[in-house]
Amino acid sequence: MEPKIMAYVDFISLHMQYNCKLGTPLAKKLMKLQIGSSQKPILMYQLAVENCGGFKNHFQPLNTILGGKR
């Protein structure tokens, strides 16, 4: 019998890599993940972003990456 882990989860802790050249906006990927997890809040533990030309440095506010503003 498998444990029902999702029944005890309050949020999703996320460590992911995102590649801007793959085409799907990060906001859409996160929304799809949240919908698939019964609308659990997402805690961004770590986010590695690759191939996002135009950013001044590697440390950008998350809303900059989500909204695509540079």
PDB file of N, CA and C in Angstrom:
ATOM      1  N   MET A   1       0.842  -1.185   0.000  1.00  0.00           N
ATOM      2  CA  MET A   1       0.000   0.000   0.000  1.00  0.00           C
ATOM      3  C   MET A   1       0.884   1.243   0.000  1.00  0.00           C
ATOM      4  N   GLU A   2       0.654   2.140  -0.943  1.00  0.00           N
ATOM      5  CA  GLU A   2       1.457   3.354  -1.038  1.00  0.00           C
ATOM      6  C   GLU A   2       0.902   4.444  -0.124  1.00  0.00           C
ATOM      7  N   PRO A   3       1.804   5.224   0.518  1.00  0.00           N
ATOM      8  CA  PRO A   3       1.321   6.316   1.369  1.00  0.00           C
ATOM      9  C   PRO A   3       0.711   7.431   0.530  1.00  0.00           C
ATOM     10  N   LYS A   4      -0.265   8.111   1.072  1.00  0.00           N
ATOM     11  CA  LYS A   4      -0.913   9.247   0.410  1.00  0.00           C
ATOM     12  C   LYS A   4      -0.181  10.520   0.822  1.00  0.00           C
ATOM     13  N   ILE A   5       0.958  10.758   0.217  1.00  0.00           N
ATOM     14  CA  ILE A   5       1.816  11.873   0.599  1.00  0.00           C
ATOM     15  C   ILE A   5       1.144  13.224   0.355  1.00  0.00           C
ATOM     16  N   MET A   6       0.498  13.407  -0.790  1.00  0.00           N
ATOM     17  CA  MET A   6      -0.091  14.703  -1.125  1.00  0.00           C
ATOM     18  C   MET A   6      -1.148  15.157  -0.121  1.00  0.00           C
ATOM     19  N   ALA A   7      -1.758  14.242   0.598  1.00  0.00           N
ATOM     20  CA  ALA A   7      -2.777  14.608   1.577  1.00  0.00           C
ATOM     21  C   ALA A   7      -2.182  15.406   2.736  1.00  0.00           C
ATOM     22  N   TYR A   8      -0.877  15.315   2.950  1.00  0.00           N
ATOM     23  CA  TYR A   8      -0.231  15.975   4.076  1.00  0.00           C
ATOM     24  C   TYR A   8       0.640  17.159   3.653  1.00  0.00           C
ATOM     25  N   VAL A   9       0.643  17.511   2.394  1.00  0.00           N
ATOM     26  CA  VAL A   9       1.505  18.571   1.889  1.00  0.00           C
ATOM     27  C   VAL A   9       0.754  19.900   1.885  1.00  0.00           C
ATOM     28  N   ASP A  10       1.368  20.926   2.502  1.00  0.00           N
ATOM     29  CA  ASP A  10       0.769  22.256   2.526  1.00  0.00           C
ATOM     30  C   ASP A  10       1.238  23.114   1.352  1.00  0.00           C
ATOM     31  N   PHE A  11       2.437  22.818   0.840  1.00  0.00           N
ATOM     32  CA  PHE A  11       2.994  23.581  -0.271  1.00  0.00           C
ATOM     33  C   PHE A  11       3.996  22.705  -1.016  1.00  0.00           C
ATOM     34  N   ILE A  12       4.410  23.172  -2.186  1.00  0.00           N
ATOM     35  CA  ILE A  12       5.405  22.464  -2.983  1.00  0.00           C
ATOM     36  C   ILE A  12       6.704  23.249  -2.906  1.00  0.00           C
ATOM     37  N   SER A  13       7.782  22.623  -2.460  1.00  0.00           N
ATOM     38  CA  SER A  13       9.101  23.233  -2.458  1.00  0.00           C
ATOM     39  C   SER A  13       9.764  22.875  -3.781  1.00  0.00           C
ATOM     40  N   LEU A  14      10.202  23.881  -4.512  1.00  0.00           N
ATOM     41  CA  LEU A  14      10.638  23.666  -5.878  1.00  0.00           C
ATOM     42  C   LEU A  14      12.088  24.067  -6.086  1.00  0.00           C
ATOM     43  N   HIS A  15      12.861  23.172  -6.643  1.00  0.00           N
ATOM     44  CA  HIS A  15      14.225  23.435  -7.094  1.00  0.00           C
ATOM     45  C   HIS A  15      14.226  23.042  -8.560  1.00  0.00           C
ATOM     46  N   MET A  16      14.350  24.011  -9.457  1.00  0.00           N
ATOM     47  CA  MET A  16      14.242  23.675 -10.871  1.00  0.00           C
ATOM     48  C   MET A  16      15.228  24.462 -11.715  1.00  0.00           C
ATOM     49  N   GLN A  17      15.410  23.989 -12.937  1.00  0.00           N
ATOM     50  CA  GLN A  17      16.194  24.685 -13.941  1.00  0.00           C
ATOM     51  C   GLN A  17      15.237  25.123 -15.041  1.00  0.00           C
ATOM     52  N   TYR A  18      15.446  26.323 -15.549  1.00  0.00           N
ATOM     53  CA  TYR A  18      14.595  26.842 -16.614  1.00  0.00           C
ATOM     54  C   TYR A  18      15.477  27.368 -17.732  1.00  0.00           C
ATOM     55  N   ASN A  19      15.160  26.997 -18.956  1.00  0.00           N
ATOM     56  CA  ASN A  19      15.909  27.429 -20.124  1.00  0.00           C
ATOM     57  C   ASN A  19      15.003  28.328 -20.963  1.00  0.00           C
ATOM     58  N   CYS A  20      15.351  29.600 -21.089  1.00  0.00           N
ATOM     59  CA  CYS A  20      14.517  30.562 -21.816  1.00  0.00           C
ATOM     60  C   CYS A  20      14.342  30.197 -23.287  1.00  0.00           C
ATOM     61  N   LYS A  21      15.293  29.493 -23.872  1.00  0.00           N
ATOM     62  CA  LYS A  21      15.216  29.159 -25.295  1.00  0.00           C
ATOM     63  C   LYS A  21      14.249  28.022 -25.602  1.00  0.00           C
ATOM     64  N   LEU A  22      13.691  27.366 -24.590  1.00  0.00           N
ATOM     65  CA  LEU A  22      12.766  26.261 -24.846  1.00  0.00           C
ATOM     66  C   LEU A  22      11.386  26.743 -25.278  1.00  0.00           C
ATOM     67  N   GLY A  23      11.090  28.011 -25.082  1.00  0.00           N
ATOM     68  CA  GLY A  23       9.865  28.577 -25.637  1.00  0.00           C
ATOM     69  C   GLY A  23       8.688  28.722 -24.690  1.00  0.00           C
ATOM     70  N   THR A  24       8.480  27.818 -23.758  1.00  0.00           N
ATOM     71  CA  THR A  24       7.343  27.930 -22.843  1.00  0.00           C
ATOM     72  C   THR A  24       7.690  28.911 -21.728  1.00  0.00           C
ATOM     73  N   PRO A  25       6.893  29.974 -21.542  1.00  0.00           N
ATOM     74  CA  PRO A  25       7.171  30.929 -20.469  1.00  0.00           C
ATOM     75  C   PRO A  25       7.159  30.252 -19.091  1.00  0.00           C
ATOM     76  N   LEU A  26       8.045  30.713 -18.228  1.00  0.00           N
ATOM     77  CA  LEU A  26       8.164  30.139 -16.889  1.00  0.00           C
ATOM     78  C   LEU A  26       6.847  30.251 -16.124  1.00  0.00           C
ATOM     79  N   ALA A  27       6.149  31.364 -16.261  1.00  0.00           N
ATOM     80  CA  ALA A  27       4.875  31.541 -15.549  1.00  0.00           C
ATOM     81  C   ALA A  27       3.879  30.453 -15.928  1.00  0.00           C
ATOM     82  N   LYS A  28       3.830  30.083 -17.203  1.00  0.00           N
ATOM     83  CA  LYS A  28       2.904  29.031 -17.643  1.00  0.00           C
ATOM     84  C   LYS A  28       3.309  27.673 -17.087  1.00  0.00           C
ATOM     85  N   LYS A  29       4.620  27.404 -17.027  1.00  0.00           N
ATOM     86  CA  LYS A  29       5.087  26.134 -16.463  1.00  0.00           C
ATOM     87  C   LYS A  29       4.703  26.028 -14.989  1.00  0.00           C
ATOM     88  N   LEU A  30       4.889  27.115 -14.243  1.00  0.00           N
ATOM     89  CA  LEU A  30       4.551  27.107 -12.818  1.00  0.00           C
ATOM     90  C   LEU A  30       3.047  26.992 -12.601  1.00  0.00           C
ATOM     91  N   MET A  31       2.259  27.665 -13.442  1.00  0.00           N
ATOM     92  CA  MET A  31       0.810  27.583 -13.317  1.00  0.00           C
ATOM     93  C   MET A  31       0.332  26.153 -13.573  1.00  0.00           C
ATOM     94  N   LYS A  32       0.895  25.499 -14.580  1.00  0.00           N
ATOM     95  CA  LYS A  32       0.528  24.119 -14.895  1.00  0.00           C
ATOM     96  C   LYS A  32       0.888  23.188 -13.732  1.00  0.00           C
ATOM     97  N   LEU A  33       2.049  23.411 -13.125  1.00  0.00           N
ATOM     98  CA  LEU A  33       2.468  22.613 -11.974  1.00  0.00           C
ATOM     99  C   LEU A  33       1.519  22.825 -10.801  1.00  0.00           C
ATOM    100  N   GLN A  34       1.134  24.073 -10.550  1.00  0.00           N
ATOM    101  CA  GLN A  34       0.249  24.369  -9.430  1.00  0.00           C
ATOM    102  C   GLN A  34      -1.141  23.782  -9.648  1.00  0.00           C
ATOM    103  N   ILE A  35      -1.664  23.852 -10.858  1.00  0.00           N
ATOM    104  CA  ILE A  35      -2.972  23.264 -11.160  1.00  0.00           C
ATOM    105  C   ILE A  35      -2.919  21.754 -10.974  1.00  0.00           C
ATOM    106  N   GLY A  36      -1.821  21.132 -11.401  1.00  0.00           N
ATOM    107  CA  GLY A  36      -1.669  19.682 -11.272  1.00  0.00           C
ATOM    108  C   GLY A  36      -1.491  19.210  -9.842  1.00  0.00           C
ATOM    109  N   SER A  37      -1.200  20.137  -8.931  1.00  0.00           N
ATOM    110  CA  SER A  37      -0.987  19.768  -7.529  1.00  0.00           C
ATOM    111  C   SER A  37      -2.123  20.250  -6.638  1.00  0.00           C
ATOM    112  N   SER A  38      -3.309  20.365  -7.188  1.00  0.00           N
ATOM    113  CA  SER A  38      -4.497  20.797  -6.434  1.00  0.00           C
ATOM    114  C   SER A  38      -4.345  22.197  -5.857  1.00  0.00           C
ATOM    115  N   GLN A  39      -3.728  23.092  -6.604  1.00  0.00           N
ATOM    116  CA  GLN A  39      -3.579  24.505  -6.237  1.00  0.00           C
ATOM    117  C   GLN A  39      -2.750  24.739  -4.977  1.00  0.00           C
ATOM    118  N   LYS A  40      -1.790  23.869  -4.710  1.00  0.00           N
ATOM    119  CA  LYS A  40      -0.907  24.076  -3.553  1.00  0.00           C
ATOM    120  C   LYS A  40       0.018  25.265  -3.835  1.00  0.00           C
ATOM    121  N   PRO A  41       0.318  26.073  -2.830  1.00  0.00           N
ATOM    122  CA  PRO A  41       1.276  27.163  -3.018  1.00  0.00           C
ATOM    123  C   PRO A  41       2.655  26.607  -3.374  1.00  0.00           C
ATOM    124  N   ILE A  42       3.424  27.383  -4.130  1.00  0.00           N
ATOM    125  CA  ILE A  42       4.759  26.959  -4.552  1.00  0.00           C
ATOM    126  C   ILE A  42       5.801  27.798  -3.834  1.00  0.00           C
ATOM    127  N   LEU A  43       6.748  27.142  -3.174  1.00  0.00           N
ATOM    128  CA  LEU A  43       7.891  27.793  -2.553  1.00  0.00           C
ATOM    129  C   LEU A  43       9.079  27.595  -3.485  1.00  0.00           C
ATOM    130  N   MET A  44       9.611  28.688  -4.040  1.00  0.00           N
ATOM    131  CA  MET A  44      10.765  28.592  -4.931  1.00  0.00           C
ATOM    132  C   MET A  44      12.020  28.472  -4.077  1.00  0.00           C
ATOM    133  N   TYR A  45      12.528  27.267  -3.949  1.00  0.00           N
ATOM    134  CA  TYR A  45      13.731  27.027  -3.156  1.00  0.00           C
ATOM    135  C   TYR A  45      14.959  27.474  -3.936  1.00  0.00           C
ATOM    136  N   GLN A  46      15.054  27.048  -5.174  1.00  0.00           N
ATOM    137  CA  GLN A  46      16.174  27.443  -6.015  1.00  0.00           C
ATOM    138  C   GLN A  46      15.729  27.404  -7.471  1.00  0.00           C
ATOM    139  N   LEU A  47      16.144  28.395  -8.246  1.00  0.00           N
ATOM    140  CA  LEU A  47      15.787  28.466  -9.657  1.00  0.00           C
ATOM    141  C   LEU A  47      17.028  28.834 -10.456  1.00  0.00           C
ATOM    142  N   ALA A  48      17.494  27.906 -11.270  1.00  0.00           N
ATOM    143  CA  ALA A  48      18.620  28.165 -12.167  1.00  0.00           C
ATOM    144  C   ALA A  48      18.051  28.530 -13.531  1.00  0.00           C
ATOM    145  N   VAL A  49      18.437  29.694 -14.047  1.00  0.00           N
ATOM    146  CA  VAL A  49      17.920  30.174 -15.326  1.00  0.00           C
ATOM    147  C   VAL A  49      19.060  30.197 -16.335  1.00  0.00           C
ATOM    148  N   GLU A  50      18.800  29.616 -17.517  1.00  0.00           N
ATOM    149  CA  GLU A  50      19.834  29.534 -18.553  1.00  0.00           C
ATOM    150  C   GLU A  50      19.336  30.142 -19.856  1.00  0.00           C
ATOM    151  N   ASN A  51      20.279  30.635 -20.656  1.00  0.00           N
ATOM    152  CA  ASN A  51      20.016  31.138 -22.009  1.00  0.00           C
ATOM    153  C   ASN A  51      18.964  32.240 -22.057  1.00  0.00           C
ATOM    154  N   CYS A  52      19.036  33.155 -21.095  1.00  0.00           N
ATOM    155  CA  CYS A  52      18.110  34.288 -21.080  1.00  0.00           C
ATOM    156  C   CYS A  52      18.917  35.549 -21.363  1.00  0.00           C
ATOM    157  N   GLY A  53      19.282  35.744 -22.602  1.00  0.00           N
ATOM    158  CA  GLY A  53      20.084  36.901 -22.977  1.00  0.00           C
ATOM    159  C   GLY A  53      19.377  38.200 -22.639  1.00  0.00           C
ATOM    160  N   GLY A  54      20.149  39.230 -22.369  1.00  0.00           N
ATOM    161  CA  GLY A  54      19.561  40.530 -22.084  1.00  0.00           C
ATOM    162  C   GLY A  54      19.517  40.878 -20.613  1.00  0.00           C
ATOM    163  N   PHE A  55      19.688  39.900 -19.733  1.00  0.00           N
ATOM    164  CA  PHE A  55      19.723  40.208 -18.305  1.00  0.00           C
ATOM    165  C   PHE A  55      21.097  40.761 -17.957  1.00  0.00           C
ATOM    166  N   LYS A  56      21.126  41.783 -17.114  1.00  0.00           N
ATOM    167  CA  LYS A  56      22.387  42.434 -16.764  1.00  0.00           C
ATOM    168  C   LYS A  56      23.289  41.529 -15.939  1.00  0.00           C
ATOM    169  N   ASN A  57      22.707  40.707 -15.094  1.00  0.00           N
ATOM    170  CA  ASN A  57      23.498  39.786 -14.280  1.00  0.00           C
ATOM    171  C   ASN A  57      22.654  38.557 -13.974  1.00  0.00           C
ATOM    172  N   HIS A  58      23.219  37.643 -13.238  1.00  0.00           N
ATOM    173  CA  HIS A  58      22.529  36.387 -12.938  1.00  0.00           C
ATOM    174  C   HIS A  58      21.486  36.529 -11.833  1.00  0.00           C
ATOM    175  N   PHE A  59      21.497  37.624 -11.105  1.00  0.00           N
ATOM    176  CA  PHE A  59      20.566  37.813 -10.002  1.00  0.00           C
ATOM    177  C   PHE A  59      19.501  38.824 -10.413  1.00  0.00           C
ATOM    178  N   GLN A  60      18.320  38.332 -10.717  1.00  0.00           N
ATOM    179  CA  GLN A  60      17.217  39.168 -11.151  1.00  0.00           C
ATOM    180  C   GLN A  60      15.997  38.857 -10.292  1.00  0.00           C
ATOM    181  N   PRO A  61      15.129  39.839 -10.065  1.00  0.00           N
ATOM    182  CA  PRO A  61      13.874  39.542  -9.361  1.00  0.00           C
ATOM    183  C   PRO A  61      13.072  38.504 -10.138  1.00  0.00           C
ATOM    184  N   LEU A  62      12.405  37.623  -9.429  1.00  0.00           N
ATOM    185  CA  LEU A  62      11.650  36.554 -10.075  1.00  0.00           C
ATOM    186  C   LEU A  62      10.575  37.113 -11.000  1.00  0.00           C
ATOM    187  N   ASN A  63       9.946  38.234 -10.620  1.00  0.00           N
ATOM    188  CA  ASN A  63       8.907  38.788 -11.495  1.00  0.00           C
ATOM    189  C   ASN A  63       9.476  39.271 -12.823  1.00  0.00           C
ATOM    190  N   THR A  64      10.768  39.598 -12.880  1.00  0.00           N
ATOM    191  CA  THR A  64      11.409  39.967 -14.139  1.00  0.00           C
ATOM    192  C   THR A  64      11.435  38.777 -15.083  1.00  0.00           C
ATOM    193  N   ILE A  65      11.767  37.613 -14.554  1.00  0.00           N
ATOM    194  CA  ILE A  65      11.830  36.400 -15.368  1.00  0.00           C
ATOM    195  C   ILE A  65      10.423  35.920 -15.714  1.00  0.00           C
ATOM    196  N   LEU A  66       9.518  35.985 -14.760  1.00  0.00           N
ATOM    197  CA  LEU A  66       8.144  35.541 -15.005  1.00  0.00           C
ATOM    198  C   LEU A  66       7.444  36.405 -16.046  1.00  0.00           C
ATOM    199  N   GLY A  67       7.630  37.713 -15.938  1.00  0.00           N
ATOM    200  CA  GLY A  67       6.934  38.619 -16.843  1.00  0.00           C
ATOM    201  C   GLY A  67       7.660  38.853 -18.152  1.00  0.00           C
ATOM    202  N   GLY A  68       8.903  38.426 -18.228  1.00  0.00           N
ATOM    203  CA  GLY A  68       9.660  38.593 -19.453  1.00  0.00           C
ATOM    204  C   GLY A  68      10.200  39.999 -19.658  1.00  0.00           C
ATOM    205  N   LYS A  69      10.081  40.888 -18.651  1.00  0.00           N
ATOM    206  CA  LYS A  69      10.601  42.250 -18.769  1.00  0.00           C
ATOM    207  C   LYS A  69      12.083  42.241 -18.452  1.00  0.00           C
ATOM    208  N   ARG A  70      12.828  43.038 -19.199  1.00  0.00           N
ATOM    209  CA  ARG A  70      14.279  43.084 -18.985  1.00  0.00           C
ATOM    210  C   ARG A  70      14.739  44.491 -18.763  1.00  0.00           C
TER     211      ARG A  70
END
